[in-house]
Each structure stands twice: as C-alpha cells, then as structure tokens.
Amino acid sequence: MACLDRELSRMHATVRVLTEADANAAL
C-alpha cells in the first residue's frame, strides 16, 4: 500500500505538472 501511495503521488504530480506545462512540455 505504501508503494501504491508513492505511485499515486507520481501520477498526481504528473497530472499537475502537465496541466501547467508549456508548449514544449505538452508535446
């Protein structure tokens, strides 16, 4: 469960960063 929590944190960070990403990162 701790491992899954870490992976969910990565997914959360990915969604947040990509929502704020510039054009180069978006591609």
PDB file of all heavy atoms in Angstrom:
ATOM      1  N   MET A   1       0.830  -1.200   0.000  1.00  0.00           N
ATOM      2  CA  MET A   1       0.000   0.000   0.000  1.00  0.00           C
ATOM      3  C   MET A   1       0.869   1.256   0.000  1.00  0.00           C
ATOM      4  O   MET A   1       0.549   2.256  -0.662  1.00  0.00           O
ATOM      5  CB  MET A   1      -0.935   0.000   1.217  1.00  0.00           C
ATOM      6  CG  MET A   1      -2.055  -1.022   1.137  1.00  0.00           C
ATOM      7  SD  MET A   1      -3.124  -0.755  -0.308  1.00  0.00           S
ATOM      8  CE  MET A   1      -4.438  -1.929   0.007  1.00  0.00           C
ATOM      9  N   ALA A   2       1.982   1.224   0.734  1.00  0.00           N
ATOM     10  CA  ALA A   2       2.892   2.369   0.717  1.00  0.00           C
ATOM     11  C   ALA A   2       3.468   2.579  -0.674  1.00  0.00           C
ATOM     12  O   ALA A   2       3.615   3.715  -1.148  1.00  0.00           O
ATOM     13  CB  ALA A   2       4.013   2.158   1.736  1.00  0.00           C
ATOM     14  N   CYS A   3       3.790   1.469  -1.356  1.00  0.00           N
ATOM     15  CA  CYS A   3       4.302   1.542  -2.720  1.00  0.00           C
ATOM     16  C   CYS A   3       3.245   2.150  -3.645  1.00  0.00           C
ATOM     17  O   CYS A   3       3.542   3.028  -4.462  1.00  0.00           O
ATOM     18  CB  CYS A   3       4.697   0.141  -3.199  1.00  0.00           C
ATOM     19  SG  CYS A   3       5.183   0.045  -4.938  1.00  0.00           S
ATOM     20  N   LEU A   4       1.995   1.715  -3.481  1.00  0.00           N
ATOM     21  CA  LEU A   4       0.917   2.262  -4.313  1.00  0.00           C
ATOM     22  C   LEU A   4       0.687   3.747  -4.023  1.00  0.00           C
ATOM     23  O   LEU A   4       0.392   4.526  -4.930  1.00  0.00           O
ATOM     24  CB  LEU A   4      -0.371   1.473  -4.075  1.00  0.00           C
ATOM     25  CG  LEU A   4      -0.406   0.069  -4.690  1.00  0.00           C
ATOM     26  CD1 LEU A   4      -1.600  -0.721  -4.162  1.00  0.00           C
ATOM     27  CD2 LEU A   4      -0.460   0.144  -6.211  1.00  0.00           C
ATOM     28  N   ASP A   5       0.829   4.132  -2.762  1.00  0.00           N
ATOM     29  CA  ASP A   5       0.702   5.549  -2.430  1.00  0.00           C
ATOM     30  C   ASP A   5       1.782   6.371  -3.118  1.00  0.00           C
ATOM     31  O   ASP A   5       1.525   7.492  -3.592  1.00  0.00           O
ATOM     32  CB  ASP A   5       0.779   5.746  -0.915  1.00  0.00           C
ATOM     33  CG  ASP A   5      -0.468   5.246  -0.198  1.00  0.00           C
ATOM     34  OD1 ASP A   5      -1.491   5.054  -0.888  1.00  0.00           O
ATOM     35  OD2 ASP A   5      -0.420   5.044   1.028  1.00  0.00           O
ATOM     36  N   ARG A   6       3.000   5.817  -3.186  1.00  0.00           N
ATOM     37  CA  ARG A   6       4.080   6.536  -3.859  1.00  0.00           C
ATOM     38  C   ARG A   6       3.783   6.682  -5.355  1.00  0.00           C
ATOM     39  O   ARG A   6       4.010   7.742  -5.946  1.00  0.00           O
ATOM     40  CB  ARG A   6       5.415   5.810  -3.656  1.00  0.00           C
ATOM     41  CG  ARG A   6       5.937   5.879  -2.233  1.00  0.00           C
ATOM     42  CD  ARG A   6       7.394   5.454  -2.176  1.00  0.00           C
ATOM     43  NE  ARG A   6       7.592   4.061  -2.531  1.00  0.00           N
ATOM     44  CZ  ARG A   6       7.510   3.049  -1.677  1.00  0.00           C
ATOM     45  NH1 ARG A   6       7.189   3.281  -0.403  1.00  0.00           N
ATOM     46  NH2 ARG A   6       7.722   1.806  -2.067  1.00  0.00           N
ATOM     47  N   GLU A   7       3.253   5.619  -5.950  1.00  0.00           N
ATOM     48  CA  GLU A   7       2.932   5.692  -7.386  1.00  0.00           C
ATOM     49  C   GLU A   7       1.784   6.658  -7.642  1.00  0.00           C
ATOM     50  O   GLU A   7       1.755   7.356  -8.666  1.00  0.00           O
ATOM     51  CB  GLU A   7       2.577   4.296  -7.908  1.00  0.00           C
ATOM     52  CG  GLU A   7       3.711   3.292  -7.833  1.00  0.00           C
ATOM     53  CD  GLU A   7       5.015   3.856  -8.356  1.00  0.00           C
ATOM     54  OE1 GLU A   7       5.011   4.517  -9.412  1.00  0.00           O
ATOM     55  OE2 GLU A   7       6.055   3.669  -7.696  1.00  0.00           O
ATOM     56  N   LEU A   8       0.834   6.731  -6.696  1.00  0.00           N
ATOM     57  CA  LEU A   8      -0.256   7.683  -6.860  1.00  0.00           C
ATOM     58  C   LEU A   8       0.270   9.120  -6.731  1.00  0.00           C
ATOM     59  O   LEU A   8      -0.202  10.026  -7.419  1.00  0.00           O
ATOM     60  CB  LEU A   8      -1.350   7.417  -5.820  1.00  0.00           C
ATOM     61  CG  LEU A   8      -2.663   8.192  -6.013  1.00  0.00           C
ATOM     62  CD1 LEU A   8      -3.275   7.875  -7.376  1.00  0.00           C
ATOM     63  CD2 LEU A   8      -3.650   7.860  -4.899  1.00  0.00           C
ATOM     64  N   SER A   9       1.268   9.305  -5.865  1.00  0.00           N
ATOM     65  CA  SER A   9       1.891  10.628  -5.754  1.00  0.00           C
ATOM     66  C   SER A   9       2.557  11.024  -7.061  1.00  0.00           C
ATOM     67  O   SER A   9       2.478  12.185  -7.496  1.00  0.00           O
ATOM     68  CB  SER A   9       2.922  10.637  -4.620  1.00  0.00           C
ATOM     69  OG  SER A   9       2.305  10.486  -3.362  1.00  0.00           O
ATOM     70  N   ARG A  10       3.204  10.062  -7.710  1.00  0.00           N
ATOM     71  CA  ARG A  10       3.833  10.347  -9.003  1.00  0.00           C
ATOM     72  C   ARG A  10       2.782  10.718 -10.056  1.00  0.00           C
ATOM     73  O   ARG A  10       2.966  11.629 -10.852  1.00  0.00           O
ATOM     74  CB  ARG A  10       4.643   9.139  -9.472  1.00  0.00           C
ATOM     75  CG  ARG A  10       5.923   8.884  -8.698  1.00  0.00           C
ATOM     76  CD  ARG A  10       6.791   7.853  -9.391  1.00  0.00           C
ATOM     77  NE  ARG A  10       8.040   7.635  -8.687  1.00  0.00           N
ATOM     78  CZ  ARG A  10       8.247   6.697  -7.781  1.00  0.00           C
ATOM     79  NH1 ARG A  10       7.268   5.859  -7.478  1.00  0.00           N
ATOM     80  NH2 ARG A  10       9.403   6.575  -7.182  1.00  0.00           N
ATOM     81  N   MET A  11       1.674   9.963 -10.039  1.00  0.00           N
ATOM     82  CA  MET A  11       0.616  10.259 -11.002  1.00  0.00           C
ATOM     83  C   MET A  11       0.032  11.650 -10.738  1.00  0.00           C
ATOM     84  O   MET A  11      -0.208  12.424 -11.675  1.00  0.00           O
ATOM     85  CB  MET A  11      -0.480   9.195 -10.906  1.00  0.00           C
ATOM     86  CG  MET A  11      -1.617   9.402 -11.899  1.00  0.00           C
ATOM     87  SD  MET A  11      -2.875   8.115 -11.775  1.00  0.00           S
ATOM     88  CE  MET A  11      -4.026   8.664 -13.048  1.00  0.00           C
ATOM     89  N   HIS A  12      -0.194  11.968  -9.457  1.00  0.00           N
ATOM     90  CA  HIS A  12      -0.724  13.277  -9.101  1.00  0.00           C
ATOM     91  C   HIS A  12       0.202  14.387  -9.567  1.00  0.00           C
ATOM     92  O   HIS A  12      -0.233  15.390 -10.157  1.00  0.00           O
ATOM     93  CB  HIS A  12      -0.918  13.343  -7.581  1.00  0.00           C
ATOM     94  CG  HIS A  12      -1.623  14.592  -7.128  1.00  0.00           C
ATOM     95  ND1 HIS A  12      -1.628  15.012  -5.816  1.00  0.00           N
ATOM     96  CD2 HIS A  12      -2.338  15.520  -7.823  1.00  0.00           C
ATOM     97  CE1 HIS A  12      -2.319  16.146  -5.725  1.00  0.00           C
ATOM     98  NE2 HIS A  12      -2.761  16.462  -6.925  1.00  0.00           N
ATOM     99  N   ALA A  13       1.504  14.188  -9.321  1.00  0.00           N
ATOM    100  CA  ALA A  13       2.482  15.188  -9.742  1.00  0.00           C
ATOM    101  C   ALA A  13       2.501  15.337 -11.257  1.00  0.00           C
ATOM    102  O   ALA A  13       2.610  16.454 -11.788  1.00  0.00           O
ATOM    103  CB  ALA A  13       3.869  14.805  -9.227  1.00  0.00           C
ATOM    104  N   THR A  14       2.371  14.219 -11.955  1.00  0.00           N
ATOM    105  CA  THR A  14       2.382  14.260 -13.419  1.00  0.00           C
ATOM    106  C   THR A  14       1.190  15.036 -13.957  1.00  0.00           C
ATOM    107  O   THR A  14       1.327  15.878 -14.850  1.00  0.00           O
ATOM    108  CB  THR A  14       2.385  12.827 -13.980  1.00  0.00           C
ATOM    109  OG1 THR A  14       3.569  12.156 -13.548  1.00  0.00           O
ATOM    110  CG2 THR A  14       2.342  12.832 -15.495  1.00  0.00           C
ATOM    111  N   VAL A  15       0.005  14.757 -13.418  1.00  0.00           N
ATOM    112  CA  VAL A  15      -1.197  15.465 -13.863  1.00  0.00           C
ATOM    113  C   VAL A  15      -1.062  16.959 -13.588  1.00  0.00           C
ATOM    114  O   VAL A  15      -1.375  17.801 -14.452  1.00  0.00           O
ATOM    115  CB  VAL A  15      -2.443  14.896 -13.159  1.00  0.00           C
ATOM    116  CG1 VAL A  15      -3.680  15.754 -13.461  1.00  0.00           C
ATOM    117  CG2 VAL A  15      -2.688  13.460 -13.595  1.00  0.00           C
ATOM    118  N   ARG A  16      -0.567  17.307 -12.396  1.00  0.00           N
ATOM    119  CA  ARG A  16      -0.455  18.724 -12.033  1.00  0.00           C
ATOM    120  C   ARG A  16       0.573  19.444 -12.903  1.00  0.00           C
ATOM    121  O   ARG A  16       0.319  20.552 -13.406  1.00  0.00           O
ATOM    122  CB  ARG A  16      -0.063  18.835 -10.554  1.00  0.00           C
ATOM    123  CG  ARG A  16       0.072  20.269 -10.055  1.00  0.00           C
ATOM    124  CD  ARG A  16       0.047  20.307  -8.534  1.00  0.00           C
ATOM    125  NE  ARG A  16       1.093  19.464  -7.963  1.00  0.00           N
ATOM    126  CZ  ARG A  16       2.350  19.871  -7.762  1.00  0.00           C
ATOM    127  NH1 ARG A  16       2.713  21.090  -8.107  1.00  0.00           N
ATOM    128  NH2 ARG A  16       3.221  19.066  -7.218  1.00  0.00           N
ATOM    129  N   VAL A  17       1.736  18.818 -13.096  1.00  0.00           N
ATOM    130  CA  VAL A  17       2.802  19.462 -13.875  1.00  0.00           C
ATOM    131  C   VAL A  17       2.388  19.620 -15.334  1.00  0.00           C
ATOM    132  O   VAL A  17       2.622  20.666 -15.951  1.00  0.00           O
ATOM    133  CB  VAL A  17       4.114  18.670 -13.756  1.00  0.00           C
ATOM    134  CG1 VAL A  17       5.149  19.182 -14.747  1.00  0.00           C
ATOM    135  CG2 VAL A  17       4.657  18.768 -12.335  1.00  0.00           C
ATOM    136  N   LEU A  18       1.757  18.588 -15.900  1.00  0.00           N
ATOM    137  CA  LEU A  18       1.354  18.666 -17.306  1.00  0.00           C
ATOM    138  C   LEU A  18       0.221  19.673 -17.513  1.00  0.00           C
ATOM    139  O   LEU A  18       0.108  20.271 -18.584  1.00  0.00           O
ATOM    140  CB  LEU A  18       0.935  17.288 -17.817  1.00  0.00           C
ATOM    141  CG  LEU A  18       2.063  16.269 -17.960  1.00  0.00           C
ATOM    142  CD1 LEU A  18       1.524  14.947 -18.493  1.00  0.00           C
ATOM    143  CD2 LEU A  18       3.155  16.789 -18.889  1.00  0.00           C
ATOM    144  N   THR A  19      -0.609  19.867 -16.499  1.00  0.00           N
ATOM    145  CA  THR A  19      -1.664  20.874 -16.607  1.00  0.00           C
ATOM    146  C   THR A  19      -1.067  22.279 -16.662  1.00  0.00           C
ATOM    147  O   THR A  19      -1.630  23.183 -17.280  1.00  0.00           O
ATOM    148  CB  THR A  19      -2.634  20.753 -15.418  1.00  0.00           C
ATOM    149  OG1 THR A  19      -3.182  19.430 -15.387  1.00  0.00           O
ATOM    150  CG2 THR A  19      -3.782  21.754 -15.534  1.00  0.00           C
ATOM    151  N   GLU A  20       0.106  22.437 -16.040  1.00  0.00           N
ATOM    152  CA  GLU A  20       0.783  23.739 -16.025  1.00  0.00           C
ATOM    153  C   GLU A  20       1.865  23.843 -17.098  1.00  0.00           C
ATOM    154  O   GLU A  20       2.520  24.878 -17.206  1.00  0.00           O
ATOM    155  CB  GLU A  20       1.434  23.962 -14.652  1.00  0.00           C
ATOM    156  CG  GLU A  20       0.461  23.873 -13.474  1.00  0.00           C
ATOM    157  CD  GLU A  20       1.171  23.776 -12.133  1.00  0.00           C
ATOM    158  OE1 GLU A  20       2.421  23.689 -12.154  1.00  0.00           O
ATOM    159  OE2 GLU A  20       0.493  23.782 -11.096  1.00  0.00           O
ATOM    160  N   ALA A  21       2.067  22.796 -17.886  1.00  0.00           N
ATOM    161  CA  ALA A  21       3.218  22.726 -18.790  1.00  0.00           C
ATOM    162  C   ALA A  21       3.133  23.743 -19.916  1.00  0.00           C
ATOM    163  O   ALA A  21       2.039  24.152 -20.330  1.00  0.00           O
ATOM    164  CB  ALA A  21       3.329  21.320 -19.377  1.00  0.00           C
ATOM    165  N   ASP A  22       4.321  24.110 -20.429  1.00  0.00           N
ATOM    166  CA  ASP A  22       4.356  24.973 -21.604  1.00  0.00           C
ATOM    167  C   ASP A  22       4.203  24.116 -22.859  1.00  0.00           C
ATOM    168  O   ASP A  22       4.017  22.897 -22.789  1.00  0.00           O
ATOM    169  CB  ASP A  22       5.659  25.781 -21.649  1.00  0.00           C
ATOM    170  CG  ASP A  22       6.908  24.903 -21.678  1.00  0.00           C
ATOM    171  OD1 ASP A  22       6.790  23.693 -21.976  1.00  0.00           O
ATOM    172  OD2 ASP A  22       8.000  25.428 -21.406  1.00  0.00           O
ATOM    173  N   ALA A  23       4.288  24.753 -24.033  1.00  0.00           N
ATOM    174  CA  ALA A  23       4.033  24.042 -25.287  1.00  0.00           C
ATOM    175  C   ALA A  23       5.043  22.917 -25.510  1.00  0.00           C
ATOM    176  O   ALA A  23       4.678  21.816 -25.942  1.00  0.00           O
ATOM    177  CB  ALA A  23       4.074  25.026 -26.464  1.00  0.00           C
ATOM    178  N   ASN A  24       6.316  23.164 -25.207  1.00  0.00           N
ATOM    179  CA  ASN A  24       7.336  22.138 -25.429  1.00  0.00           C
ATOM    180  C   ASN A  24       7.095  20.922 -24.548  1.00  0.00           C
ATOM    181  O   ASN A  24       7.204  19.782 -24.989  1.00  0.00           O
ATOM    182  CB  ASN A  24       8.732  22.713 -25.156  1.00  0.00           C
ATOM    183  CG  ASN A  24       9.157  23.718 -26.204  1.00  0.00           C
ATOM    184  OD1 ASN A  24       8.724  23.631 -27.350  1.00  0.00           O
ATOM    185  ND2 ASN A  24       9.980  24.674 -25.826  1.00  0.00           N
ATOM    186  N   ALA A  25       6.775  21.167 -23.284  1.00  0.00           N
ATOM    187  CA  ALA A  25       6.500  20.051 -22.379  1.00  0.00           C
ATOM    188  C   ALA A  25       5.216  19.336 -22.760  1.00  0.00           C
ATOM    189  O   ALA A  25       5.114  18.103 -22.631  1.00  0.00           O
ATOM    190  CB  ALA A  25       6.421  20.557 -20.939  1.00  0.00           C
ATOM    191  N   ALA A  26       4.221  20.087 -23.243  1.00  0.00           N
ATOM    192  CA  ALA A  26       2.943  19.473 -23.623  1.00  0.00           C
ATOM    193  C   ALA A  26       3.146  18.429 -24.722  1.00  0.00           C
ATOM    194  O   ALA A  26       2.531  17.361 -24.706  1.00  0.00           O
ATOM    195  CB  ALA A  26       1.959  20.542 -24.084  1.00  0.00           C
ATOM    196  N   LEU A  27       4.020  18.727 -25.671  1.00  0.00           N
ATOM    197  CA  LEU A  27       4.250  17.790 -26.768  1.00  0.00           C
ATOM    198  C   LEU A  27       4.922  16.513 -26.277  1.00  0.00           C
ATOM    199  O   LEU A  27       4.856  15.477 -26.947  1.00  0.00           O
ATOM    200  CB  LEU A  27       5.115  18.448 -27.845  1.00  0.00           C
ATOM    201  CG  LEU A  27       4.455  19.616 -28.585  1.00  0.00           C
ATOM    202  CD1 LEU A  27       5.415  20.219 -29.594  1.00  0.00           C
ATOM    203  CD2 LEU A  27       3.185  19.158 -29.286  1.00  0.00           C
TER     204      LEU A  27
END
